N, C-alpha and C. Protein backbone atom coordinates (compact mmCIF):
# COMPACT_ATOMS: atom_id res chain seq x y z
N MET A 1 -47.47 107.73 100.07
CA MET A 1 -46.62 108.01 98.99
C MET A 1 -46.06 106.75 98.49
N LEU A 2 -46.07 106.65 97.17
CA LEU A 2 -45.50 105.13 96.63
C LEU A 2 -44.25 105.58 95.91
N SER A 3 -43.19 104.91 95.95
CA SER A 3 -42.07 105.20 95.11
C SER A 3 -41.62 103.87 94.30
N LEU A 4 -41.56 103.91 92.95
CA LEU A 4 -41.32 102.82 92.07
C LEU A 4 -40.16 103.29 91.27
N ALA A 5 -39.18 102.30 90.96
CA ALA A 5 -37.94 102.59 90.11
C ALA A 5 -38.08 101.98 88.88
N GLY A 6 -38.04 102.70 87.82
CA GLY A 6 -37.97 102.02 86.51
C GLY A 6 -36.49 101.99 85.99
N CYS A 7 -35.90 100.75 85.81
CA CYS A 7 -34.57 100.72 85.50
C CYS A 7 -34.25 100.87 84.10
N ALA A 8 -35.12 100.22 83.11
CA ALA A 8 -34.77 100.39 81.76
C ALA A 8 -35.65 101.55 81.01
N SER A 9 -35.15 101.97 79.86
CA SER A 9 -35.81 103.14 79.30
C SER A 9 -36.93 102.78 78.54
N ASP A 10 -37.15 101.20 78.27
CA ASP A 10 -38.33 100.87 77.46
C ASP A 10 -39.38 100.45 78.41
N ARG A 11 -39.34 100.61 79.68
CA ARG A 11 -40.26 99.93 80.61
C ARG A 11 -41.55 100.86 80.84
N VAL A 12 -42.46 100.16 80.93
CA VAL A 12 -43.76 100.90 81.32
C VAL A 12 -43.90 100.71 82.95
N VAL A 13 -43.96 101.99 83.49
CA VAL A 13 -44.09 102.01 85.02
C VAL A 13 -45.67 102.36 85.29
N ALA A 14 -46.39 101.39 85.98
CA ALA A 14 -47.85 101.60 86.16
C ALA A 14 -48.07 102.12 87.70
N VAL A 15 -48.92 103.12 87.69
CA VAL A 15 -49.16 103.72 88.93
C VAL A 15 -50.61 103.67 89.14
N ASP A 16 -51.16 102.82 90.25
CA ASP A 16 -52.50 102.75 90.36
C ASP A 16 -53.01 103.39 91.67
N GLY A 17 -54.34 103.70 91.76
CA GLY A 17 -54.91 104.32 93.04
C GLY A 17 -55.15 105.72 92.79
N THR A 18 -55.62 106.34 94.05
CA THR A 18 -56.01 107.83 93.96
C THR A 18 -55.07 108.56 95.12
N ALA A 19 -54.05 107.91 95.54
CA ALA A 19 -53.28 108.60 96.58
C ALA A 19 -52.12 109.36 95.80
N ASN A 20 -51.60 110.46 96.46
CA ASN A 20 -50.52 111.21 95.80
C ASN A 20 -49.28 110.30 95.86
N ARG A 21 -48.52 110.31 94.88
CA ARG A 21 -47.38 109.34 94.79
C ARG A 21 -45.99 110.16 94.29
N ARG A 22 -44.97 109.51 94.59
CA ARG A 22 -43.69 109.95 94.02
C ARG A 22 -43.21 108.74 93.28
N VAL A 23 -42.82 108.88 92.06
CA VAL A 23 -42.34 107.75 91.26
C VAL A 23 -40.97 108.23 90.55
N VAL A 24 -40.19 107.24 90.70
CA VAL A 24 -38.73 107.66 90.01
C VAL A 24 -38.69 106.52 88.88
N VAL A 25 -38.31 107.06 87.76
CA VAL A 25 -38.29 106.42 86.47
C VAL A 25 -36.99 106.70 85.61
N ALA A 26 -36.71 106.09 84.77
CA ALA A 26 -35.65 106.31 83.75
C ALA A 26 -36.06 107.05 82.56
N VAL A 27 -35.13 107.90 81.97
CA VAL A 27 -35.45 108.65 80.86
C VAL A 27 -35.90 107.59 79.77
N GLY A 28 -36.95 107.95 78.96
CA GLY A 28 -37.45 107.12 77.97
C GLY A 28 -38.59 106.17 78.47
N SER A 29 -38.94 106.21 79.78
CA SER A 29 -39.85 105.34 80.34
C SER A 29 -41.31 105.74 80.05
N GLU A 30 -42.31 104.83 79.99
CA GLU A 30 -43.55 105.46 79.79
C GLU A 30 -44.11 105.21 81.23
N ILE A 31 -45.04 106.11 81.59
CA ILE A 31 -45.66 106.15 82.99
C ILE A 31 -47.16 105.99 82.70
N GLY A 32 -47.74 105.02 83.23
CA GLY A 32 -49.18 104.74 83.18
C GLY A 32 -49.91 105.01 84.47
N VAL A 33 -50.66 105.99 84.68
CA VAL A 33 -51.32 106.36 85.87
C VAL A 33 -52.88 106.11 85.69
N THR A 34 -53.34 105.16 86.49
CA THR A 34 -54.84 104.84 86.43
C THR A 34 -55.49 105.47 87.62
N LEU A 35 -56.58 106.18 87.46
CA LEU A 35 -57.40 106.90 88.32
C LEU A 35 -58.73 106.37 88.18
N GLY A 36 -59.48 106.21 89.45
CA GLY A 36 -60.93 105.83 89.39
C GLY A 36 -61.78 107.00 90.16
N THR A 37 -62.76 106.96 89.75
CA THR A 37 -63.89 107.88 90.42
C THR A 37 -65.03 107.08 91.01
N VAL A 38 -65.68 107.69 91.95
CA VAL A 38 -66.97 107.28 92.47
C VAL A 38 -67.86 108.40 92.33
N GLY A 39 -68.95 108.24 91.67
CA GLY A 39 -69.89 109.19 91.41
C GLY A 39 -69.72 109.90 90.13
N PRO A 40 -70.41 111.21 89.88
CA PRO A 40 -70.22 111.72 88.55
C PRO A 40 -68.83 112.25 88.26
N GLY A 41 -68.64 112.73 87.08
CA GLY A 41 -67.31 113.30 86.61
C GLY A 41 -66.28 112.41 86.35
N GLU A 42 -65.14 112.93 86.01
CA GLU A 42 -63.90 112.15 85.58
C GLU A 42 -62.74 113.08 85.80
N TYR A 43 -61.60 112.58 85.59
CA TYR A 43 -60.35 113.49 85.62
C TYR A 43 -60.18 114.03 84.41
N THR A 44 -60.04 115.37 84.41
CA THR A 44 -59.82 116.18 83.12
C THR A 44 -58.40 115.96 82.41
N SER A 45 -58.65 115.87 81.02
CA SER A 45 -57.45 115.75 80.24
C SER A 45 -57.07 116.99 79.43
N PRO A 46 -55.86 117.32 79.19
CA PRO A 46 -54.63 116.76 79.74
C PRO A 46 -54.45 117.26 81.16
N PRO A 47 -53.71 116.43 81.98
CA PRO A 47 -53.30 116.83 83.38
C PRO A 47 -52.51 118.08 83.42
N ASN A 48 -52.23 118.87 84.43
CA ASN A 48 -51.28 119.94 84.50
C ASN A 48 -49.98 119.36 84.63
N VAL A 49 -48.94 119.67 83.95
CA VAL A 49 -47.66 119.17 83.98
C VAL A 49 -46.79 120.29 84.21
N SER A 50 -45.90 120.21 85.23
CA SER A 50 -45.19 121.49 85.60
C SER A 50 -43.89 121.73 84.69
N SER A 51 -43.39 120.62 84.03
CA SER A 51 -42.24 120.93 83.10
C SER A 51 -42.10 119.96 81.97
N ALA A 52 -41.13 120.29 81.11
CA ALA A 52 -41.03 119.51 79.93
C ALA A 52 -40.18 118.04 80.11
N VAL A 53 -39.95 117.85 81.49
CA VAL A 53 -39.40 116.55 81.89
C VAL A 53 -40.26 115.46 81.36
N VAL A 54 -41.52 115.60 81.59
CA VAL A 54 -42.47 114.52 81.26
C VAL A 54 -43.60 115.10 80.34
N ARG A 55 -43.79 114.30 79.22
CA ARG A 55 -44.73 114.73 78.24
C ARG A 55 -46.10 113.82 78.29
N PHE A 56 -47.17 114.50 78.30
CA PHE A 56 -48.53 113.77 78.32
C PHE A 56 -48.69 113.11 76.92
N LEU A 57 -49.12 111.84 76.86
CA LEU A 57 -49.27 111.09 75.60
C LEU A 57 -50.91 111.23 75.46
N ASP A 58 -51.70 110.43 76.28
CA ASP A 58 -53.04 110.43 76.02
C ASP A 58 -53.72 109.71 77.20
N VAL A 59 -55.07 109.75 77.28
CA VAL A 59 -55.81 109.20 78.39
C VAL A 59 -56.89 108.17 77.71
N THR A 60 -57.15 107.03 78.42
CA THR A 60 -58.25 106.26 77.84
C THR A 60 -59.07 105.59 78.97
N PRO A 61 -60.19 105.26 78.70
CA PRO A 61 -61.06 104.53 79.75
C PRO A 61 -60.56 103.18 79.96
N VAL A 62 -60.60 102.73 81.26
CA VAL A 62 -60.13 101.47 81.58
C VAL A 62 -61.47 100.65 81.81
N GLY A 63 -61.73 99.45 81.14
CA GLY A 63 -62.77 98.67 81.57
C GLY A 63 -62.42 97.62 82.52
N PRO A 64 -63.50 96.79 82.98
CA PRO A 64 -64.78 96.90 82.49
C PRO A 64 -65.48 98.14 83.10
N SER A 65 -66.65 98.65 82.70
CA SER A 65 -67.27 99.64 83.29
C SER A 65 -68.03 99.25 84.60
N VAL A 66 -67.94 100.12 85.50
CA VAL A 66 -68.74 99.88 86.62
C VAL A 66 -69.68 101.01 87.01
N PRO A 67 -70.79 100.67 87.63
CA PRO A 67 -71.92 101.75 88.07
C PRO A 67 -71.27 102.81 88.78
N ALA A 68 -70.21 102.47 89.75
CA ALA A 68 -69.73 103.48 90.66
C ALA A 68 -69.12 104.70 90.14
N GLY A 69 -68.39 104.49 89.04
CA GLY A 69 -67.72 105.52 88.39
C GLY A 69 -66.73 105.15 87.14
N VAL A 70 -66.08 105.95 86.55
CA VAL A 70 -65.28 105.63 85.55
C VAL A 70 -63.75 105.48 86.04
N ARG A 71 -63.08 104.71 85.38
CA ARG A 71 -61.58 104.53 85.54
C ARG A 71 -60.97 104.93 84.38
N GLN A 72 -59.76 105.70 84.36
CA GLN A 72 -58.95 106.25 83.36
C GLN A 72 -57.64 105.96 83.54
N ARG A 73 -56.80 105.65 82.25
CA ARG A 73 -55.41 105.49 82.34
C ARG A 73 -54.93 106.59 81.50
N PHE A 74 -54.09 107.37 82.29
CA PHE A 74 -53.21 108.39 81.72
C PHE A 74 -51.80 107.84 81.36
N ARG A 75 -51.34 108.25 80.03
CA ARG A 75 -50.07 107.82 79.79
C ARG A 75 -49.22 109.00 79.55
N LEU A 76 -48.00 109.07 80.23
CA LEU A 76 -47.06 110.06 79.97
C LEU A 76 -45.66 109.43 79.66
N LYS A 77 -44.79 110.21 79.17
CA LYS A 77 -43.47 109.75 78.74
C LYS A 77 -42.37 110.55 79.43
N ALA A 78 -41.42 109.99 79.96
CA ALA A 78 -40.31 110.60 80.64
C ALA A 78 -39.24 111.02 79.61
N VAL A 79 -38.95 112.21 79.22
CA VAL A 79 -38.20 112.60 78.05
C VAL A 79 -36.91 113.05 78.40
N THR A 80 -36.49 113.56 79.59
CA THR A 80 -35.27 114.16 80.09
C THR A 80 -35.24 113.94 81.50
N ALA A 81 -33.97 114.14 82.12
CA ALA A 81 -33.75 114.01 83.45
C ALA A 81 -34.21 115.40 84.24
N GLY A 82 -34.91 115.14 85.32
CA GLY A 82 -35.43 116.10 86.06
C GLY A 82 -36.55 115.77 86.90
N ARG A 83 -37.43 116.72 87.36
CA ARG A 83 -38.61 116.48 88.16
C ARG A 83 -39.66 117.23 87.59
N ALA A 84 -41.04 116.53 87.41
CA ALA A 84 -42.18 117.05 87.07
C ALA A 84 -43.26 116.69 88.13
N ILE A 85 -44.20 117.67 88.36
CA ILE A 85 -45.24 117.56 89.03
C ILE A 85 -46.49 117.47 88.27
N ILE A 86 -47.25 116.35 88.31
CA ILE A 86 -48.30 116.15 87.55
C ILE A 86 -49.55 116.26 88.36
N VAL A 87 -50.54 117.24 88.01
CA VAL A 87 -51.73 117.37 88.95
C VAL A 87 -52.96 117.11 87.96
N PHE A 88 -53.85 116.14 88.59
CA PHE A 88 -55.00 115.64 87.98
C PHE A 88 -56.13 116.36 88.63
N HIS A 89 -56.97 117.06 87.82
CA HIS A 89 -58.23 117.80 88.41
C HIS A 89 -59.41 116.95 88.07
N HIS A 90 -60.30 116.78 89.17
CA HIS A 90 -61.62 116.12 88.75
C HIS A 90 -62.59 117.19 88.34
N SER A 91 -63.54 116.72 87.35
CA SER A 91 -64.43 117.58 86.68
C SER A 91 -65.59 117.94 87.72
N ALA A 92 -65.86 117.00 88.76
CA ALA A 92 -66.89 117.25 89.79
C ALA A 92 -66.36 117.64 91.02
N GLU A 93 -66.55 116.74 91.96
CA GLU A 93 -66.27 117.03 93.44
C GLU A 93 -65.09 116.05 93.85
N GLY A 94 -64.47 115.22 92.94
CA GLY A 94 -63.57 114.41 93.34
C GLY A 94 -62.08 114.92 93.75
N PRO A 95 -61.40 114.24 94.39
CA PRO A 95 -60.13 114.70 94.96
C PRO A 95 -59.11 115.23 93.78
N VAL A 96 -58.30 116.14 93.99
CA VAL A 96 -57.11 116.42 93.14
C VAL A 96 -56.05 115.62 93.61
N VAL A 97 -55.29 115.00 92.43
CA VAL A 97 -54.34 113.99 92.63
C VAL A 97 -53.20 114.79 92.13
N THR A 98 -52.06 114.71 92.97
CA THR A 98 -50.75 115.28 92.61
C THR A 98 -49.72 114.10 92.64
N ASP A 99 -49.01 114.04 91.50
CA ASP A 99 -47.92 113.02 91.57
C ASP A 99 -46.64 113.69 91.22
N THR A 100 -45.57 113.23 91.88
CA THR A 100 -44.12 113.79 91.53
C THR A 100 -43.48 112.73 90.71
N ILE A 101 -42.94 113.09 89.64
CA ILE A 101 -42.14 112.11 88.83
C ILE A 101 -40.71 112.59 88.67
N ASP A 102 -39.78 111.82 89.18
CA ASP A 102 -38.38 112.06 89.23
C ASP A 102 -37.68 111.21 88.07
N VAL A 103 -37.32 111.90 87.24
CA VAL A 103 -36.47 111.20 86.03
C VAL A 103 -35.15 111.26 86.03
N ARG A 104 -34.52 110.04 85.96
CA ARG A 104 -33.19 109.92 86.20
C ARG A 104 -32.47 109.19 84.91
């Protein structure tokens, strides 16, 4: 589990890797989650978001392309104080990734 603190509301908090994480950010922060895959499939969009504390913005592919699998960057916005659970599901047999976002 990784814990990052976002101090300013205009800060972008980047979260890389495929491990489940806990992230602490300020209201107004943008959260960028980068996930990579090996083999077929990708993480489906939008991810499941448990509450209105965090709003999904978009997902884009991250280059450069590699033969092993795709990398994707999901962008979310912390809109109000509270906690949200974000669940990223893979379209094939990849792992489910669950992140906890605490907004303060």
